[in-house]
């Protein structure tokens, strides 16, 4: 059986901060989408359809995500700098092992991801 992930929806509490973060750090270009009285934003992130949905519309009461992304990057220091500049927070110290440099970060809504770059 073959399959692929085509999209992901994030239930968002801090929409303006999340739009700024994903636009400025990862270059996502968002379009507005109206559903009744709610505004959602959709774009392409690393080749995957990304939808930012107001948490209230999704009836999401979680304060932190239950998933984590691993993102391989070509310029570790530049991404980390942009992440912290646009509301992201480091989860700990940068670690180097097994030919990689990596660190966990939180986006402005506390969704976690690991930023990884090959050091080989």
PDB file of N, CA and C in Angstrom:
ATOM      1  N   UNK A   1       0.851  -1.176   0.000  1.00  0.00           N
ATOM      2  CA  UNK A   1       0.000   0.000   0.000  1.00  0.00           C
ATOM      3  C   UNK A   1       0.894   1.236   0.000  1.00  0.00           C
ATOM      4  N   UNK A   2       0.561   2.172  -0.868  1.00  0.00           N
ATOM      5  CA  UNK A   2       1.287   3.430  -0.924  1.00  0.00           C
ATOM      6  C   UNK A   2       0.425   4.544  -0.347  1.00  0.00           C
ATOM      7  N   UNK A   3       1.057   5.482   0.295  1.00  0.00           N
ATOM      8  CA  UNK A   3       0.343   6.657   0.789  1.00  0.00           C
ATOM      9  C   UNK A   3       1.317   7.802   0.956  1.00  0.00           C
ATOM     10  N   UNK A   4       0.782   8.995   1.071  1.00  0.00           N
ATOM     11  CA  UNK A   4       1.603  10.170   1.338  1.00  0.00           C
ATOM     12  C   UNK A   4       0.766  11.165   2.129  1.00  0.00           C
ATOM     13  N   UNK A   5       1.443  11.988   2.871  1.00  0.00           N
ATOM     14  CA  UNK A   5       0.779  13.042   3.631  1.00  0.00           C
ATOM     15  C   UNK A   5       0.635  14.239   2.702  1.00  0.00           C
ATOM     16  N   UNK A   6      -0.590  14.678   2.491  1.00  0.00           N
ATOM     17  CA  UNK A   6      -0.859  15.811   1.593  1.00  0.00           C
ATOM     18  C   UNK A   6      -1.078  17.112   2.343  1.00  0.00           C
ATOM     19  N   UNK A   7      -1.494  17.015   3.602  1.00  0.00           N
ATOM     20  CA  UNK A   7      -1.773  18.243   4.328  1.00  0.00           C
ATOM     21  C   UNK A   7      -1.877  18.025   5.823  1.00  0.00           C
ATOM     22  N   UNK A   8      -1.822  19.130   6.522  1.00  0.00           N
ATOM     23  CA  UNK A   8      -1.959  19.115   7.973  1.00  0.00           C
ATOM     24  C   UNK A   8      -2.707  20.382   8.385  1.00  0.00           C
ATOM     25  N   UNK A   9      -3.542  20.240   9.390  1.00  0.00           N
ATOM     26  CA  UNK A   9      -4.262  21.376   9.962  1.00  0.00           C
ATOM     27  C   UNK A   9      -3.764  21.586  11.379  1.00  0.00           C
ATOM     28  N   UNK A  10      -3.404  22.818  11.693  1.00  0.00           N
ATOM     29  CA  UNK A  10      -3.027  23.177  13.051  1.00  0.00           C
ATOM     30  C   UNK A  10      -4.138  24.017  13.661  1.00  0.00           C
ATOM     31  N   UNK A  11      -4.616  23.602  14.828  1.00  0.00           N
ATOM     32  CA  UNK A  11      -5.581  24.396  15.581  1.00  0.00           C
ATOM     33  C   UNK A  11      -4.785  25.492  16.288  1.00  0.00           C
ATOM     34  N   UNK A  12      -5.105  26.745  15.996  1.00  0.00           N
ATOM     35  CA  UNK A  12      -4.268  27.878  16.384  1.00  0.00           C
ATOM     36  C   UNK A  12      -4.988  28.788  17.375  1.00  0.00           C
ATOM     37  N   UNK A  13      -4.263  29.209  18.399  1.00  0.00           N
ATOM     38  CA  UNK A  13      -4.788  30.169  19.370  1.00  0.00           C
ATOM     39  C   UNK A  13      -4.270  31.586  19.087  1.00  0.00           C
ATOM     40  N   UNK A  14      -3.032  31.702  18.661  1.00  0.00           N
ATOM     41  CA  UNK A  14      -2.381  33.004  18.401  1.00  0.00           C
ATOM     42  C   UNK A  14      -2.192  33.173  16.897  1.00  0.00           C
ATOM     43  N   UNK A  15      -3.283  33.443  16.171  1.00  0.00           N
ATOM     44  CA  UNK A  15      -3.248  33.431  14.713  1.00  0.00           C
ATOM     45  C   UNK A  15      -2.235  34.425  14.133  1.00  0.00           C
ATOM     46  N   UNK A  16      -2.218  35.667  14.591  1.00  0.00           N
ATOM     47  CA  UNK A  16      -1.297  36.657  14.036  1.00  0.00           C
ATOM     48  C   UNK A  16       0.156  36.231  14.233  1.00  0.00           C
ATOM     49  N   UNK A  17       0.478  35.723  15.412  1.00  0.00           N
ATOM     50  CA  UNK A  17       1.848  35.278  15.692  1.00  0.00           C
ATOM     51  C   UNK A  17       2.211  34.061  14.847  1.00  0.00           C
ATOM     52  N   UNK A  18       1.260  33.150  14.674  1.00  0.00           N
ATOM     53  CA  UNK A  18       1.521  31.942  13.883  1.00  0.00           C
ATOM     54  C   UNK A  18       1.717  32.303  12.406  1.00  0.00           C
ATOM     55  N   UNK A  19       0.896  33.206  11.883  1.00  0.00           N
ATOM     56  CA  UNK A  19       1.056  33.650  10.496  1.00  0.00           C
ATOM     57  C   UNK A  19       2.429  34.288  10.297  1.00  0.00           C
ATOM     58  N   UNK A  20       2.822  35.148  11.211  1.00  0.00           N
ATOM     59  CA  UNK A  20       4.129  35.802  11.125  1.00  0.00           C
ATOM     60  C   UNK A  20       5.250  34.783  11.202  1.00  0.00           C
ATOM     61  N   UNK A  21       5.160  33.831  12.116  1.00  0.00           N
ATOM     62  CA  UNK A  21       6.196  32.820  12.302  1.00  0.00           C
ATOM     63  C   UNK A  21       6.383  31.981  11.040  1.00  0.00           C
ATOM     64  N   UNK A  22       5.320  31.364  10.536  1.00  0.00           N
ATOM     65  CA  UNK A  22       5.447  30.466   9.389  1.00  0.00           C
ATOM     66  C   UNK A  22       5.757  31.227   8.086  1.00  0.00           C
ATOM     67  N   UNK A  23       5.322  32.478   7.993  1.00  0.00           N
ATOM     68  CA  UNK A  23       5.659  33.299   6.830  1.00  0.00           C
ATOM     69  C   UNK A  23       7.126  33.705   6.856  1.00  0.00           C
ATOM     70  N   UNK A  24       7.579  34.228   7.983  1.00  0.00           N
ATOM     71  CA  UNK A  24       8.931  34.778   8.060  1.00  0.00           C
ATOM     72  C   UNK A  24      10.025  33.732   8.255  1.00  0.00           C
ATOM     73  N   UNK A  25       9.718  32.642   8.920  1.00  0.00           N
ATOM     74  CA  UNK A  25      10.731  31.613   9.144  1.00  0.00           C
ATOM     75  C   UNK A  25      10.813  30.661   7.956  1.00  0.00           C
ATOM     76  N   UNK A  26       9.667  30.216   7.453  1.00  0.00           N
ATOM     77  CA  UNK A  26       9.643  29.177   6.431  1.00  0.00           C
ATOM     78  C   UNK A  26       9.159  29.651   5.061  1.00  0.00           C
ATOM     79  N   UNK A  27       8.822  30.934   4.938  1.00  0.00           N
ATOM     80  CA  UNK A  27       8.430  31.474   3.645  1.00  0.00           C
ATOM     81  C   UNK A  27       7.076  31.016   3.141  1.00  0.00           C
ATOM     82  N   UNK A  28       6.186  30.602   4.044  1.00  0.00           N
ATOM     83  CA  UNK A  28       4.851  30.167   3.633  1.00  0.00           C
ATOM     84  C   UNK A  28       4.032  31.388   3.242  1.00  0.00           C
ATOM     85  N   UNK A  29       3.383  31.310   2.112  1.00  0.00           N
ATOM     86  CA  UNK A  29       2.505  32.370   1.637  1.00  0.00           C
ATOM     87  C   UNK A  29       1.068  31.898   1.871  1.00  0.00           C
ATOM     88  N   UNK A  30       0.340  32.612   2.708  1.00  0.00           N
ATOM     89  CA  UNK A  30      -1.004  32.185   3.104  1.00  0.00           C
ATOM     90  C   UNK A  30      -2.097  32.908   2.329  1.00  0.00           C
ATOM     91  N   UNK A  31      -3.193  32.195   2.115  1.00  0.00           N
ATOM     92  CA  UNK A  31      -4.417  32.778   1.567  1.00  0.00           C
ATOM     93  C   UNK A  31      -5.514  32.613   2.613  1.00  0.00           C
ATOM     94  N   UNK A  32      -6.365  33.637   2.713  1.00  0.00           N
ATOM     95  CA  UNK A  32      -7.501  33.575   3.635  1.00  0.00           C
ATOM     96  C   UNK A  32      -8.572  32.654   3.080  1.00  0.00           C
ATOM     97  N   UNK A  33      -9.260  32.002   4.003  1.00  0.00           N
ATOM     98  CA  UNK A  33     -10.392  31.152   3.649  1.00  0.00           C
ATOM     99  C   UNK A  33     -11.466  31.379   4.719  1.00  0.00           C
ATOM    100  N   UNK A  34     -12.654  31.757   4.296  1.00  0.00           N
ATOM    101  CA  UNK A  34     -13.754  32.011   5.237  1.00  0.00           C
ATOM    102  C   UNK A  34     -14.627  30.773   5.390  1.00  0.00           C
ATOM    103  N   UNK A  35     -14.926  30.431   6.629  1.00  0.00           N
ATOM    104  CA  UNK A  35     -15.930  29.410   6.936  1.00  0.00           C
ATOM    105  C   UNK A  35     -16.853  30.045   7.974  1.00  0.00           C
ATOM    106  N   UNK A  36     -18.062  30.359   7.514  1.00  0.00           N
ATOM    107  CA  UNK A  36     -19.018  31.085   8.360  1.00  0.00           C
ATOM    108  C   UNK A  36     -18.363  32.352   8.884  1.00  0.00           C
ATOM    109  N   UNK A  37     -18.261  32.516  10.199  1.00  0.00           N
ATOM    110  CA  UNK A  37     -17.676  33.722  10.788  1.00  0.00           C
ATOM    111  C   UNK A  37     -16.187  33.568  11.098  1.00  0.00           C
ATOM    112  N   UNK A  38     -15.588  32.475  10.698  1.00  0.00           N
ATOM    113  CA  UNK A  38     -14.187  32.205  11.034  1.00  0.00           C
ATOM    114  C   UNK A  38     -13.284  32.377   9.810  1.00  0.00           C
ATOM    115  N   UNK A  39     -12.073  32.863  10.069  1.00  0.00           N
ATOM    116  CA  UNK A  39     -11.068  32.996   9.018  1.00  0.00           C
ATOM    117  C   UNK A  39      -9.971  31.976   9.255  1.00  0.00           C
ATOM    118  N   UNK A  40      -9.718  31.168   8.235  1.00  0.00           N
ATOM    119  CA  UNK A  40      -8.652  30.188   8.247  1.00  0.00           C
ATOM    120  C   UNK A  40      -7.611  30.650   7.236  1.00  0.00           C
ATOM    121  N   UNK A  41      -6.408  30.115   7.326  1.00  0.00           N
ATOM    122  CA  UNK A  41      -5.338  30.489   6.411  1.00  0.00           C
ATOM    123  C   UNK A  41      -4.688  29.229   5.876  1.00  0.00           C
ATOM    124  N   UNK A  42      -4.511  29.189   4.542  1.00  0.00           N
ATOM    125  CA  UNK A  42      -3.899  28.014   3.948  1.00  0.00           C
ATOM    126  C   UNK A  42      -2.694  28.395   3.103  1.00  0.00           C
ATOM    127  N   UNK A  43      -1.707  27.497   3.098  1.00  0.00           N
ATOM    128  CA  UNK A  43      -0.500  27.705   2.318  1.00  0.00           C
ATOM    129  C   UNK A  43       0.220  26.379   2.143  1.00  0.00           C
ATOM    130  N   UNK A  44       1.380  26.430   1.531  1.00  0.00           N
ATOM    131  CA  UNK A  44       2.194  25.235   1.320  1.00  0.00           C
ATOM    132  C   UNK A  44       3.453  25.358   2.171  1.00  0.00           C
ATOM    133  N   UNK A  45       3.695  24.347   3.002  1.00  0.00           N
ATOM    134  CA  UNK A  45       4.848  24.313   3.903  1.00  0.00           C
ATOM    135  C   UNK A  45       5.630  23.037   3.613  1.00  0.00           C
ATOM    136  N   UNK A  46       6.830  23.188   3.101  1.00  0.00           N
ATOM    137  CA  UNK A  46       7.692  22.044   2.770  1.00  0.00           C
ATOM    138  C   UNK A  46       6.964  21.045   1.869  1.00  0.00           C
ATOM    139  N   UNK A  47       6.182  21.572   0.926  1.00  0.00           N
ATOM    140  CA  UNK A  47       5.475  20.721  -0.025  1.00  0.00           C
ATOM    141  C   UNK A  47       4.176  20.129   0.488  1.00  0.00           C
ATOM    142  N   UNK A  48       3.788  20.487   1.697  1.00  0.00           N
ATOM    143  CA  UNK A  48       2.564  19.959   2.308  1.00  0.00           C
ATOM    144  C   UNK A  48       1.567  21.100   2.499  1.00  0.00           C
ATOM    145  N   UNK A  49       0.309  20.831   2.187  1.00  0.00           N
ATOM    146  CA  UNK A  49      -0.748  21.817   2.409  1.00  0.00           C
ATOM    147  C   UNK A  49      -0.872  22.053   3.907  1.00  0.00           C
ATOM    148  N   UNK A  50      -0.761  23.306   4.334  1.00  0.00           N
ATOM    149  CA  UNK A  50      -0.863  23.682   5.741  1.00  0.00           C
ATOM    150  C   UNK A  50      -2.082  24.570   5.915  1.00  0.00           C
ATOM    151  N   UNK A  51      -2.955  24.198   6.831  1.00  0.00           N
ATOM    152  CA  UNK A  51      -4.135  24.988   7.149  1.00  0.00           C
ATOM    153  C   UNK A  51      -4.055  25.407   8.605  1.00  0.00           C
ATOM    154  N   UNK A  52      -4.111  26.719   8.845  1.00  0.00           N
ATOM    155  CA  UNK A  52      -4.170  27.253  10.206  1.00  0.00           C
ATOM    156  C   UNK A  52      -5.627  27.556  10.503  1.00  0.00           C
ATOM    157  N   UNK A  53      -6.158  26.843  11.469  1.00  0.00           N
ATOM    158  CA  UNK A  53      -7.576  26.919  11.816  1.00  0.00           C
ATOM    159  C   UNK A  53      -7.713  27.451  13.234  1.00  0.00           C
ATOM    160  N   UNK A  54      -8.593  28.423  13.472  1.00  0.00           N
ATOM    161  CA  UNK A  54      -8.791  28.884  14.845  1.00  0.00           C
ATOM    162  C   UNK A  54      -9.160  27.711  15.762  1.00  0.00           C
ATOM    163  N   UNK A  55      -8.491  27.624  16.897  1.00  0.00           N
ATOM    164  CA  UNK A  55      -8.720  26.512  17.832  1.00  0.00           C
ATOM    165  C   UNK A  55     -10.189  26.425  18.235  1.00  0.00           C
ATOM    166  N   UNK A  56     -10.846  27.569  18.354  1.00  0.00           N
ATOM    167  CA  UNK A  56     -12.257  27.570  18.764  1.00  0.00           C
ATOM    168  C   UNK A  56     -13.122  26.864  17.722  1.00  0.00           C
ATOM    169  N   UNK A  57     -12.838  27.104  16.445  1.00  0.00           N
ATOM    170  CA  UNK A  57     -13.602  26.474  15.374  1.00  0.00           C
ATOM    171  C   UNK A  57     -13.387  24.961  15.384  1.00  0.00           C
ATOM    172  N   UNK A  58     -12.163  24.545  15.674  1.00  0.00           N
ATOM    173  CA  UNK A  58     -11.834  23.119  15.706  1.00  0.00           C
ATOM    174  C   UNK A  58     -12.245  22.465  17.023  1.00  0.00           C
ATOM    175  N   UNK A  59     -12.789  23.251  17.940  1.00  0.00           N
ATOM    176  CA  UNK A  59     -13.131  22.758  19.288  1.00  0.00           C
ATOM    177  C   UNK A  59     -11.940  22.082  19.948  1.00  0.00           C
ATOM    178  N   UNK A  60     -10.760  22.655  19.726  1.00  0.00           N
ATOM    179  CA  UNK A  60      -9.530  22.112  20.277  1.00  0.00           C
ATOM    180  C   UNK A  60      -9.213  22.829  21.577  1.00  0.00           C
ATOM    181  N   UNK A  61      -9.109  22.080  22.646  1.00  0.00           N
ATOM    182  CA  UNK A  61      -8.796  22.665  23.948  1.00  0.00           C
ATOM    183  C   UNK A  61      -7.395  22.300  24.423  1.00  0.00           C
ATOM    184  N   UNK A  62      -6.630  21.575  23.602  1.00  0.00           N
ATOM    185  CA  UNK A  62      -5.265  21.200  23.981  1.00  0.00           C
ATOM    186  C   UNK A  62      -4.399  22.451  24.080  1.00  0.00           C
ATOM    187  N   UNK A  63      -3.516  22.468  25.064  1.00  0.00           N
ATOM    188  CA  UNK A  63      -2.618  23.605  25.237  1.00  0.00           C
ATOM    189  C   UNK A  63      -1.283  23.380  24.555  1.00  0.00           C
ATOM    190  N   UNK A  64      -1.050  22.160  24.090  1.00  0.00           N
ATOM    191  CA  UNK A  64       0.179  21.842  23.379  1.00  0.00           C
ATOM    192  C   UNK A  64      -0.116  20.722  22.400  1.00  0.00           C
ATOM    193  N   UNK A  65       0.659  20.663  21.332  1.00  0.00           N
ATOM    194  CA  UNK A  65       0.434  19.662  20.295  1.00  0.00           C
ATOM    195  C   UNK A  65       0.664  18.232  20.790  1.00  0.00           C
ATOM    196  N   UNK A  66       0.172  17.310  20.013  1.00  0.00           N
ATOM    197  CA  UNK A  66       0.404  15.893  20.293  1.00  0.00           C
ATOM    198  C   UNK A  66       1.193  15.261  19.150  1.00  0.00           C
ATOM    199  N   UNK A  67       1.894  16.059  18.406  1.00  0.00           N
ATOM    200  CA  UNK A  67       2.730  15.597  17.298  1.00  0.00           C
ATOM    201  C   UNK A  67       4.015  16.415  17.322  1.00  0.00           C
ATOM    202  N   UNK A  68       4.991  15.969  16.566  1.00  0.00           N
ATOM    203  CA  UNK A  68       6.226  16.737  16.464  1.00  0.00           C
ATOM    204  C   UNK A  68       6.804  16.544  15.068  1.00  0.00           C
ATOM    205  N   UNK A  69       7.234  17.619  14.453  1.00  0.00           N
ATOM    206  CA  UNK A  69       7.850  17.562  13.136  1.00  0.00           C
ATOM    207  C   UNK A  69       9.365  17.515  13.279  1.00  0.00           C
ATOM    208  N   UNK A  70      10.032  16.764  12.414  1.00  0.00           N
ATOM    209  CA  UNK A  70      11.480  16.811  12.270  1.00  0.00           C
ATOM    210  C   UNK A  70      11.757  17.509  10.953  1.00  0.00           C
ATOM    211  N   UNK A  71      12.434  18.652  11.009  1.00  0.00           N
ATOM    212  CA  UNK A  71      12.714  19.436   9.805  1.00  0.00           C
ATOM    213  C   UNK A  71      14.207  19.448   9.516  1.00  0.00           C
ATOM    214  N   UNK A  72      14.584  18.886   8.372  1.00  0.00           N
ATOM    215  CA  UNK A  72      15.972  18.927   7.921  1.00  0.00           C
ATOM    216  C   UNK A  72      16.172  20.238   7.190  1.00  0.00           C
ATOM    217  N   UNK A  73      17.204  21.002   7.584  1.00  0.00           N
ATOM    218  CA  UNK A  73      17.444  22.321   7.011  1.00  0.00           C
ATOM    219  C   UNK A  73      18.864  22.413   6.470  1.00  0.00           C
ATOM    220  N   UNK A  74      19.082  23.371   5.575  1.00  0.00           N
ATOM    221  CA  UNK A  74      20.413  23.569   5.005  1.00  0.00           C
ATOM    222  C   UNK A  74      21.219  24.621   5.761  1.00  0.00           C
ATOM    223  N   UNK A  75      20.542  25.522   6.494  1.00  0.00           N
ATOM    224  CA  UNK A  75      21.246  26.574   7.245  1.00  0.00           C
ATOM    225  C   UNK A  75      20.664  26.635   8.662  1.00  0.00           C
ATOM    226  N   UNK A  76      21.197  25.791   9.519  1.00  0.00           N
ATOM    227  CA  UNK A  76      20.718  25.632  10.893  1.00  0.00           C
ATOM    228  C   UNK A  76      20.676  26.962  11.638  1.00  0.00           C
ATOM    229  N   UNK A  77      21.793  27.674  11.636  1.00  0.00           N
ATOM    230  CA  UNK A  77      21.880  28.921  12.410  1.00  0.00           C
ATOM    231  C   UNK A  77      20.882  29.971  11.932  1.00  0.00           C
ATOM    232  N   UNK A  78      20.686  30.068  10.620  1.00  0.00           N
ATOM    233  CA  UNK A  78      19.734  31.047  10.082  1.00  0.00           C
ATOM    234  C   UNK A  78      18.309  30.709  10.509  1.00  0.00           C
ATOM    235  N   UNK A  79      17.929  29.432  10.432  1.00  0.00           N
ATOM    236  CA  UNK A  79      16.572  29.030  10.831  1.00  0.00           C
ATOM    237  C   UNK A  79      16.346  29.272  12.320  1.00  0.00           C
ATOM    238  N   UNK A  80      17.322  28.916  13.148  1.00  0.00           N
ATOM    239  CA  UNK A  80      17.183  29.126  14.598  1.00  0.00           C
ATOM    240  C   UNK A  80      17.050  30.609  14.903  1.00  0.00           C
ATOM    241  N   UNK A  81      17.833  31.432  14.239  1.00  0.00           N
ATOM    242  CA  UNK A  81      17.750  32.879  14.437  1.00  0.00           C
ATOM    243  C   UNK A  81      16.359  33.397  14.065  1.00  0.00           C
ATOM    244  N   UNK A  82      15.849  32.975  12.904  1.00  0.00           N
ATOM    245  CA  UNK A  82      14.508  33.399  12.485  1.00  0.00           C
ATOM    246  C   UNK A  82      13.437  32.884  13.442  1.00  0.00           C
ATOM    247  N   UNK A  83      13.567  31.647  13.881  1.00  0.00           N
ATOM    248  CA  UNK A  83      12.585  31.074  14.807  1.00  0.00           C
ATOM    249  C   UNK A  83      12.469  31.920  16.073  1.00  0.00           C
ATOM    250  N   UNK A  84      13.591  32.252  16.661  1.00  0.00           N
ATOM    251  CA  UNK A  84      13.538  33.030  17.904  1.00  0.00           C
ATOM    252  C   UNK A  84      13.117  34.475  17.651  1.00  0.00           C
ATOM    253  N   UNK A  85      13.462  35.006  16.491  1.00  0.00           N
ATOM    254  CA  UNK A  85      13.066  36.377  16.141  1.00  0.00           C
ATOM    255  C   UNK A  85      11.555  36.503  15.969  1.00  0.00           C
ATOM    256  N   UNK A  86      10.894  35.444  15.500  1.00  0.00           N
ATOM    257  CA  UNK A  86       9.461  35.505  15.215  1.00  0.00           C
ATOM    258  C   UNK A  86       8.626  34.687  16.194  1.00  0.00           C
ATOM    259  N   UNK A  87       9.044  34.620  17.441  1.00  0.00           N
ATOM    260  CA  UNK A  87       8.211  34.071  18.497  1.00  0.00           C
ATOM    261  C   UNK A  87       8.427  32.616  18.835  1.00  0.00           C
ATOM    262  N   UNK A  88       9.374  31.961  18.195  1.00  0.00           N
ATOM    263  CA  UNK A  88       9.694  30.582  18.548  1.00  0.00           C
ATOM    264  C   UNK A  88      10.586  30.541  19.779  1.00  0.00           C
ATOM    265  N   UNK A  89      10.584  29.395  20.465  1.00  0.00           N
ATOM    266  CA  UNK A  89      11.414  29.236  21.661  1.00  0.00           C
ATOM    267  C   UNK A  89      12.189  27.928  21.559  1.00  0.00           C
ATOM    268  N   UNK A  90      13.456  27.964  21.964  1.00  0.00           N
ATOM    269  CA  UNK A  90      14.257  26.743  22.002  1.00  0.00           C
ATOM    270  C   UNK A  90      13.772  25.855  23.138  1.00  0.00           C
ATOM    271  N   UNK A  91      13.765  24.540  22.899  1.00  0.00           N
ATOM    272  CA  UNK A  91      13.342  23.578  23.914  1.00  0.00           C
ATOM    273  C   UNK A  91      14.504  23.124  24.784  1.00  0.00           C
ATOM    274  N   UNK A  92      15.713  23.422  24.390  1.00  0.00           N
ATOM    275  CA  UNK A  92      16.895  22.993  25.140  1.00  0.00           C
ATOM    276  C   UNK A  92      18.137  23.442  24.404  1.00  0.00           C
ATOM    277  N   UNK A  93      19.230  22.781  24.706  1.00  0.00           N
ATOM    278  CA  UNK A  93      20.508  23.110  24.095  1.00  0.00           C
ATOM    279  C   UNK A  93      20.658  22.423  22.735  1.00  0.00           C
ATOM    280  N   UNK A  94      21.419  23.050  21.851  1.00  0.00           N
ATOM    281  CA  UNK A  94      21.771  22.429  20.577  1.00  0.00           C
ATOM    282  C   UNK A  94      22.658  21.225  20.862  1.00  0.00           C
ATOM    283  N   UNK A  95      22.342  20.121  20.207  1.00  0.00           N
ATOM    284  CA  UNK A  95      23.123  18.901  20.389  1.00  0.00           C
ATOM    285  C   UNK A  95      23.744  18.485  19.068  1.00  0.00           C
ATOM    286  N   UNK A  96      24.956  17.978  19.140  1.00  0.00           N
ATOM    287  CA  UNK A  96      25.629  17.454  17.953  1.00  0.00           C
ATOM    288  C   UNK A  96      26.001  16.008  18.219  1.00  0.00           C
ATOM    289  N   UNK A  97      25.483  15.113  17.352  1.00  0.00           N
ATOM    290  CA  UNK A  97      25.834  13.702  17.458  1.00  0.00           C
ATOM    291  C   UNK A  97      25.413  12.986  16.186  1.00  0.00           C
ATOM    292  N   UNK A  98      26.057  11.881  15.915  1.00  0.00           N
ATOM    293  CA  UNK A  98      25.736  11.044  14.762  1.00  0.00           C
ATOM    294  C   UNK A  98      25.698  11.827  13.453  1.00  0.00           C
ATOM    295  N   UNK A  99      26.589  12.790  13.316  1.00  0.00           N
ATOM    296  CA  UNK A  99      26.669  13.540  12.069  1.00  0.00           C
ATOM    297  C   UNK A  99      25.585  14.581  11.865  1.00  0.00           C
ATOM    298  N   UNK A 100      24.900  14.957  12.950  1.00  0.00           N
ATOM    299  CA  UNK A 100      23.870  15.990  12.841  1.00  0.00           C
ATOM    300  C   UNK A 100      23.998  17.003  13.975  1.00  0.00           C
ATOM    301  N   UNK A 101      23.453  18.170  13.708  1.00  0.00           N
ATOM    302  CA  UNK A 101      23.263  19.212  14.721  1.00  0.00           C
ATOM    303  C   UNK A 101      21.766  19.359  14.828  1.00  0.00           C
ATOM    304  N   UNK A 102      21.209  19.411  16.063  1.00  0.00           N
ATOM    305  CA  UNK A 102      19.764  19.468  16.217  1.00  0.00           C
ATOM    306  C   UNK A 102      19.365  20.199  17.493  1.00  0.00           C
ATOM    307  N   UNK A 103      18.155  20.751  17.455  1.00  0.00           N
ATOM    308  CA  UNK A 103      17.566  21.362  18.641  1.00  0.00           C
ATOM    309  C   UNK A 103      16.048  21.367  18.466  1.00  0.00           C
ATOM    310  N   UNK A 104      15.339  21.204  19.550  1.00  0.00           N
ATOM    311  CA  UNK A 104      13.883  21.316  19.527  1.00  0.00           C
ATOM    312  C   UNK A 104      13.481  22.768  19.687  1.00  0.00           C
ATOM    313  N   UNK A 105      12.398  23.141  19.008  1.00  0.00           N
ATOM    314  CA  UNK A 105      11.847  24.489  19.165  1.00  0.00           C
ATOM    315  C   UNK A 105      10.333  24.383  19.312  1.00  0.00           C
ATOM    316  N   UNK A 106       9.744  25.421  19.865  1.00  0.00           N
ATOM    317  CA  UNK A 106       8.294  25.593  19.892  1.00  0.00           C
ATOM    318  C   UNK A 106       7.949  26.767  18.989  1.00  0.00           C
ATOM    319  N   UNK A 107       6.878  26.646  18.200  1.00  0.00           N
ATOM    320  CA  UNK A 107       6.369  27.800  17.470  1.00  0.00           C
ATOM    321  C   UNK A 107       5.543  28.633  18.449  1.00  0.00           C
ATOM    322  N   UNK A 108       4.981  29.770  18.041  1.00  0.00           N
ATOM    323  CA  UNK A 108       4.256  30.634  18.984  1.00  0.00           C
ATOM    324  C   UNK A 108       3.049  29.984  19.669  1.00  0.00           C
ATOM    325  N   UNK A 109       2.509  28.896  19.126  1.00  0.00           N
ATOM    326  CA  UNK A 109       1.391  28.196  19.763  1.00  0.00           C
ATOM    327  C   UNK A 109       1.848  26.936  20.488  1.00  0.00           C
ATOM    328  N   UNK A 110       3.142  26.819  20.728  1.00  0.00           N
ATOM    329  CA  UNK A 110       3.756  25.695  21.441  1.00  0.00           C
ATOM    330  C   UNK A 110       3.689  24.365  20.713  1.00  0.00           C
ATOM    331  N   UNK A 111       3.618  24.394  19.369  1.00  0.00           N
ATOM    332  CA  UNK A 111       3.786  23.167  18.589  1.00  0.00           C
ATOM    333  C   UNK A 111       5.280  22.916  18.488  1.00  0.00           C
ATOM    334  N   UNK A 112       5.689  21.692  18.759  1.00  0.00           N
ATOM    335  CA  UNK A 112       7.119  21.400  18.770  1.00  0.00           C
ATOM    336  C   UNK A 112       7.601  20.851  17.442  1.00  0.00           C
ATOM    337  N   UNK A 113       8.859  21.130  17.167  1.00  0.00           N
ATOM    338  CA  UNK A 113       9.537  20.567  16.007  1.00  0.00           C
ATOM    339  C   UNK A 113      11.014  20.481  16.333  1.00  0.00           C
ATOM    340  N   UNK A 114      11.704  19.589  15.646  1.00  0.00           N
ATOM    341  CA  UNK A 114      13.139  19.455  15.812  1.00  0.00           C
ATOM    342  C   UNK A 114      13.795  19.950  14.531  1.00  0.00           C
ATOM    343  N   UNK A 115      14.701  20.892  14.660  1.00  0.00           N
ATOM    344  CA  UNK A 115      15.451  21.433  13.537  1.00  0.00           C
ATOM    345  C   UNK A 115      16.753  20.647  13.461  1.00  0.00           C
ATOM    346  N   UNK A 116      17.045  20.073  12.279  1.00  0.00           N
ATOM    347  CA  UNK A 116      18.197  19.185  12.115  1.00  0.00           C
ATOM    348  C   UNK A 116      18.987  19.599  10.880  1.00  0.00           C
ATOM    349  N   UNK A 117      20.303  19.580  11.016  1.00  0.00           N
ATOM    350  CA  UNK A 117      21.189  19.801   9.866  1.00  0.00           C
ATOM    351  C   UNK A 117      22.307  18.769   9.920  1.00  0.00           C
ATOM    352  N   UNK A 118      22.633  18.226   8.778  1.00  0.00           N
ATOM    353  CA  UNK A 118      23.761  17.303   8.668  1.00  0.00           C
ATOM    354  C   UNK A 118      25.054  18.063   8.877  1.00  0.00           C
ATOM    355  N   UNK A 119      25.992  17.476   9.625  1.00  0.00           N
ATOM    356  CA  UNK A 119      27.291  18.101   9.830  1.00  0.00           C
ATOM    357  C   UNK A 119      28.378  17.360   9.060  1.00  0.00           C
ATOM    358  N   UNK A 120      27.976  16.411   8.290  1.00  0.00           N
ATOM    359  CA  UNK A 120      28.947  15.608   7.515  1.00  0.00           C
ATOM    360  C   UNK A 120      29.123  16.216   6.136  1.00  0.00           C
TER     361      UNK A 120
END
